Amino acid sequence: MMSFIPPRLRKPLGRALAGTFVAAAWAIGSPHWWLAIVIEIVSLGYAVGWYVSAGEDTDEGALVGSRADERQMIVGQRAMALAGKFALVSAYIGFVIALALKPAESWQFGVVLVVGGFGYLFGLSQYGQSDSANDTDDGLPASSRAGS
């Protein structure tokens, strides 16, 4: 699907689009619409920085430029998992504080916790070992089973 977009441009383009959506939402929903221009300029500068970083011959450049090897991809996945942990812990802390101070406004943090929990369970179901794989494992090497 994204094969027509050069790998070096994929992630910076995603960042630019995300920033544009935030700027558009700000322009629509805020009386200070002119700040949307500032948001757009900052997000485009951020995307240009990502594009420049993607051209460097470093581990970070390979990750940003969508040309990472297996080791670098694992580092990226671990970093994303750590970011998810930070987000869930922050949502929990916000939920507890909001529940103590303004219980009616704590639902947003609860939604983040529920979505994060479902995402975690979905990840376990997608990437975990299934029970059917355990049923066929009789402890013999695959070459021994193939002949029987």
C-alpha atoms as a PDB file:
ATOM      1  CA  MET A   1       0.000   0.000   0.000  1.00  0.00           C
ATOM      2  CA  MET A   2       2.752   2.472   0.889  1.00  0.00           C
ATOM      3  CA  SER A   3       5.215   1.140  -1.662  1.00  0.00           C
ATOM      4  CA  PHE A   4       4.871   4.290  -3.786  1.00  0.00           C
ATOM      5  CA  ILE A   5       6.166   6.422  -0.867  1.00  0.00           C
ATOM      6  CA  PRO A   6       9.957   6.219  -0.428  1.00  0.00           C
ATOM      7  CA  PRO A   7      10.896   4.564   2.901  1.00  0.00           C
ATOM      8  CA  ARG A   8      12.817   7.622   4.085  1.00  0.00           C
ATOM      9  CA  LEU A   9       9.703   9.766   3.679  1.00  0.00           C
ATOM     10  CA  ARG A  10       7.107   7.448   5.300  1.00  0.00           C
ATOM     11  CA  LYS A  11       7.477   8.339   8.984  1.00  0.00           C
ATOM     12  CA  PRO A  12       8.152  12.072   8.465  1.00  0.00           C
ATOM     13  CA  LEU A  13       5.078  12.248   6.230  1.00  0.00           C
ATOM     14  CA  GLY A  14       3.024  10.531   8.939  1.00  0.00           C
ATOM     15  CA  ARG A  15       4.243  13.082  11.485  1.00  0.00           C
ATOM     16  CA  ALA A  16       3.393  15.944   9.140  1.00  0.00           C
ATOM     17  CA  LEU A  17      -0.122  14.587   8.561  1.00  0.00           C
ATOM     18  CA  ALA A  18      -0.688  14.092  12.285  1.00  0.00           C
ATOM     19  CA  GLY A  19       0.401  17.687  12.942  1.00  0.00           C
ATOM     20  CA  THR A  20      -1.858  18.940  10.172  1.00  0.00           C
ATOM     21  CA  PHE A  21      -4.837  17.124  11.708  1.00  0.00           C
ATOM     22  CA  VAL A  22      -4.086  18.696  15.114  1.00  0.00           C
ATOM     23  CA  ALA A  23      -3.773  22.141  13.510  1.00  0.00           C
ATOM     24  CA  ALA A  24      -7.047  21.671  11.623  1.00  0.00           C
ATOM     25  CA  ALA A  25      -8.849  20.531  14.776  1.00  0.00           C
ATOM     26  CA  TRP A  26      -7.451  23.537  16.639  1.00  0.00           C
ATOM     27  CA  ALA A  27      -8.580  25.900  13.877  1.00  0.00           C
ATOM     28  CA  ILE A  28     -12.091  24.437  13.939  1.00  0.00           C
ATOM     29  CA  GLY A  29     -12.549  24.185  17.690  1.00  0.00           C
ATOM     30  CA  SER A  30     -10.704  27.165  19.137  1.00  0.00           C
ATOM     31  CA  PRO A  31     -11.498  30.873  19.043  1.00  0.00           C
ATOM     32  CA  HIS A  32      -7.746  31.442  18.677  1.00  0.00           C
ATOM     33  CA  TRP A  33      -7.590  29.935  15.185  1.00  0.00           C
ATOM     34  CA  TRP A  34      -4.320  31.708  14.382  1.00  0.00           C
ATOM     35  CA  LEU A  35      -2.484  29.339  16.744  1.00  0.00           C
ATOM     36  CA  ALA A  36      -3.267  26.604  14.219  1.00  0.00           C
ATOM     37  CA  ILE A  37      -0.734  28.254  11.920  1.00  0.00           C
ATOM     38  CA  VAL A  38       1.911  28.023  14.650  1.00  0.00           C
ATOM     39  CA  ILE A  39       1.024  24.370  15.274  1.00  0.00           C
ATOM     40  CA  GLU A  40       1.305  23.620  11.551  1.00  0.00           C
ATOM     41  CA  ILE A  41       4.679  25.352  11.216  1.00  0.00           C
ATOM     42  CA  VAL A  42       6.055  23.486  14.233  1.00  0.00           C
ATOM     43  CA  SER A  43       4.756  20.125  12.973  1.00  0.00           C
ATOM     44  CA  LEU A  44       6.216  20.693   9.510  1.00  0.00           C
ATOM     45  CA  GLY A  45       9.560  21.661  11.069  1.00  0.00           C
ATOM     46  CA  TYR A  46       9.392  18.492  13.153  1.00  0.00           C
ATOM     47  CA  ALA A  47       8.711  16.435  10.019  1.00  0.00           C
ATOM     48  CA  VAL A  48      11.654  18.044   8.210  1.00  0.00           C
ATOM     49  CA  GLY A  49      13.850  17.186  11.193  1.00  0.00           C
ATOM     50  CA  TRP A  50      12.682  13.559  10.993  1.00  0.00           C
ATOM     51  CA  TYR A  51      13.427  13.500   7.260  1.00  0.00           C
ATOM     52  CA  VAL A  52      16.953  14.796   7.836  1.00  0.00           C
ATOM     53  CA  SER A  53      17.460  12.305  10.661  1.00  0.00           C
ATOM     54  CA  ALA A  54      16.242   9.483   8.387  1.00  0.00           C
ATOM     55  CA  GLY A  55      19.119  10.189   6.014  1.00  0.00           C
ATOM     56  CA  GLU A  56      21.807   9.709   8.653  1.00  0.00           C
ATOM     57  CA  ASP A  57      23.764   6.484   8.925  1.00  0.00           C
ATOM     58  CA  THR A  58      22.891   5.729  12.561  1.00  0.00           C
ATOM     59  CA  ASP A  59      20.571   3.336  14.383  1.00  0.00           C
ATOM     60  CA  GLU A  60      18.062   6.130  14.932  1.00  0.00           C
ATOM     61  CA  GLY A  61      18.299   7.172  11.297  1.00  0.00           C
ATOM     62  CA  ALA A  62      17.625   3.614  10.183  1.00  0.00           C
ATOM     63  CA  LEU A  63      14.548   3.407  12.430  1.00  0.00           C
ATOM     64  CA  VAL A  64      13.191   6.764  11.249  1.00  0.00           C
ATOM     65  CA  GLY A  65      14.042   5.960   7.634  1.00  0.00           C
ATOM     66  CA  SER A  66      12.159   2.599   7.710  1.00  0.00           C
ATOM     67  CA  ARG A  67      15.295   0.624   6.860  1.00  0.00           C
ATOM     68  CA  ALA A  68      16.069  -0.967  10.220  1.00  0.00           C
ATOM     69  CA  ASP A  69      17.535  -4.425  10.584  1.00  0.00           C
ATOM     70  CA  GLU A  70      16.113  -6.977  13.022  1.00  0.00           C
ATOM     71  CA  ARG A  71      18.123  -5.765  16.028  1.00  0.00           C
ATOM     72  CA  GLN A  72      17.107  -2.166  15.427  1.00  0.00           C
ATOM     73  CA  MET A  73      13.461  -3.168  15.000  1.00  0.00           C
ATOM     74  CA  ILE A  74      13.525  -4.971  18.349  1.00  0.00           C
ATOM     75  CA  VAL A  75      14.971  -1.840  19.969  1.00  0.00           C
ATOM     76  CA  GLY A  76      12.143   0.175  18.390  1.00  0.00           C
ATOM     77  CA  GLN A  77       9.528  -2.300  19.628  1.00  0.00           C
ATOM     78  CA  ARG A  78      10.950  -2.206  23.149  1.00  0.00           C
ATOM     79  CA  ALA A  79      10.920   1.583  23.099  1.00  0.00           C
ATOM     80  CA  MET A  80       7.276   1.536  21.969  1.00  0.00           C
ATOM     81  CA  ALA A  81       6.401  -0.935  24.728  1.00  0.00           C
ATOM     82  CA  LEU A  82       8.082   1.306  27.310  1.00  0.00           C
ATOM     83  CA  ALA A  83       6.164   4.308  25.955  1.00  0.00           C
ATOM     84  CA  GLY A  84       2.942   2.305  26.340  1.00  0.00           C
ATOM     85  CA  LYS A  85       3.823   1.502  29.938  1.00  0.00           C
ATOM     86  CA  PHE A  86       4.494   5.171  30.662  1.00  0.00           C
ATOM     87  CA  ALA A  87       1.183   6.140  29.041  1.00  0.00           C
ATOM     88  CA  LEU A  88      -0.794   3.605  31.079  1.00  0.00           C
ATOM     89  CA  VAL A  89       0.912   4.555  34.341  1.00  0.00           C
ATOM     90  CA  SER A  90       0.276   8.243  33.579  1.00  0.00           C
ATOM     91  CA  ALA A  91      -3.374   7.497  32.790  1.00  0.00           C
ATOM     92  CA  TYR A  92      -3.708   5.588  36.062  1.00  0.00           C
ATOM     93  CA  ILE A  93      -2.153   8.442  38.065  1.00  0.00           C
ATOM     94  CA  GLY A  94      -4.418  10.941  36.299  1.00  0.00           C
ATOM     95  CA  PHE A  95      -7.444   8.717  36.945  1.00  0.00           C
ATOM     96  CA  VAL A  96      -6.711   8.507  40.667  1.00  0.00           C
ATOM     97  CA  ILE A  97      -6.087  12.246  40.995  1.00  0.00           C
ATOM     98  CA  ALA A  98      -9.172  13.164  38.958  1.00  0.00           C
ATOM     99  CA  LEU A  99     -11.272  10.685  40.920  1.00  0.00           C
ATOM    100  CA  ALA A 100     -10.179  12.340  44.164  1.00  0.00           C
ATOM    101  CA  LEU A 101     -10.647  15.935  42.983  1.00  0.00           C
ATOM    102  CA  LYS A 102     -13.365  15.903  40.307  1.00  0.00           C
ATOM    103  CA  PRO A 103     -14.948  12.445  39.970  1.00  0.00           C
ATOM    104  CA  ALA A 104     -17.171  13.530  37.074  1.00  0.00           C
ATOM    105  CA  GLU A 105     -14.100  14.314  34.961  1.00  0.00           C
ATOM    106  CA  SER A 106     -12.195  11.083  35.599  1.00  0.00           C
ATOM    107  CA  TRP A 107     -13.875   9.145  32.783  1.00  0.00           C
ATOM    108  CA  GLN A 108     -11.319  10.275  30.163  1.00  0.00           C
ATOM    109  CA  PHE A 109      -8.499   8.624  32.077  1.00  0.00           C
ATOM    110  CA  GLY A 110     -10.649   5.529  32.551  1.00  0.00           C
ATOM    111  CA  VAL A 111     -11.188   5.301  28.805  1.00  0.00           C
ATOM    112  CA  VAL A 112      -7.433   5.454  28.188  1.00  0.00           C
ATOM    113  CA  LEU A 113      -6.892   2.694  30.761  1.00  0.00           C
ATOM    114  CA  VAL A 114      -9.582   0.473  29.236  1.00  0.00           C
ATOM    115  CA  VAL A 115      -8.327   0.979  25.669  1.00  0.00           C
ATOM    116  CA  GLY A 116      -4.748   0.334  26.797  1.00  0.00           C
ATOM    117  CA  GLY A 117      -5.830  -2.820  28.619  1.00  0.00           C
ATOM    118  CA  PHE A 118      -7.702  -4.122  25.600  1.00  0.00           C
ATOM    119  CA  GLY A 119      -4.714  -3.286  23.414  1.00  0.00           C
ATOM    120  CA  TYR A 120      -2.479  -5.291  25.730  1.00  0.00           C
ATOM    121  CA  LEU A 121      -4.841  -8.281  25.669  1.00  0.00           C
ATOM    122  CA  PHE A 122      -5.154  -8.017  21.887  1.00  0.00           C
ATOM    123  CA  GLY A 123      -1.369  -7.993  21.588  1.00  0.00           C
ATOM    124  CA  LEU A 124      -1.147 -11.117  23.725  1.00  0.00           C
ATOM    125  CA  SER A 125      -3.688 -12.849  21.518  1.00  0.00           C
ATOM    126  CA  GLN A 126      -1.905 -11.777  18.317  1.00  0.00           C
ATOM    127  CA  TYR A 127       1.704 -12.351  19.326  1.00  0.00           C
ATOM    128  CA  GLY A 128       1.407 -14.935  22.086  1.00  0.00           C
ATOM    129  CA  GLN A 129       1.699 -18.656  21.607  1.00  0.00           C
ATOM    130  CA  SER A 130      -1.607 -20.302  20.758  1.00  0.00           C
ATOM    131  CA  ASP A 131      -2.893 -23.452  22.457  1.00  0.00           C
ATOM    132  CA  SER A 132      -3.097 -25.299  19.126  1.00  0.00           C
ATOM    133  CA  ALA A 133       0.681 -24.999  18.737  1.00  0.00           C
ATOM    134  CA  ASN A 134       1.128 -26.681  22.115  1.00  0.00           C
ATOM    135  CA  ASP A 135      -1.189 -29.573  21.182  1.00  0.00           C
ATOM    136  CA  THR A 136       1.006 -30.709  18.305  1.00  0.00           C
ATOM    137  CA  ASP A 137       4.216 -30.450  20.332  1.00  0.00           C
ATOM    138  CA  ASP A 138       4.982 -33.911  21.659  1.00  0.00           C
ATOM    139  CA  GLY A 139       8.543 -33.065  22.664  1.00  0.00           C
ATOM    140  CA  LEU A 140      10.111 -34.614  19.566  1.00  0.00           C
ATOM    141  CA  PRO A 141      12.180 -32.646  17.074  1.00  0.00           C
ATOM    142  CA  ALA A 142      10.330 -31.697  13.890  1.00  0.00           C
ATOM    143  CA  SER A 143      12.500 -34.071  11.824  1.00  0.00           C
ATOM    144  CA  SER A 144      11.422 -37.032  14.002  1.00  0.00           C
ATOM    145  CA  ARG A 145       7.726 -36.195  13.680  1.00  0.00           C
ATOM    146  CA  ALA A 146       7.855 -35.791   9.927  1.00  0.00           C
ATOM    147  CA  GLY A 147       8.893 -39.410   9.415  1.00  0.00           C
ATOM    148  CA  SER A 148       6.172 -40.929  11.598  1.00  0.00           C
END
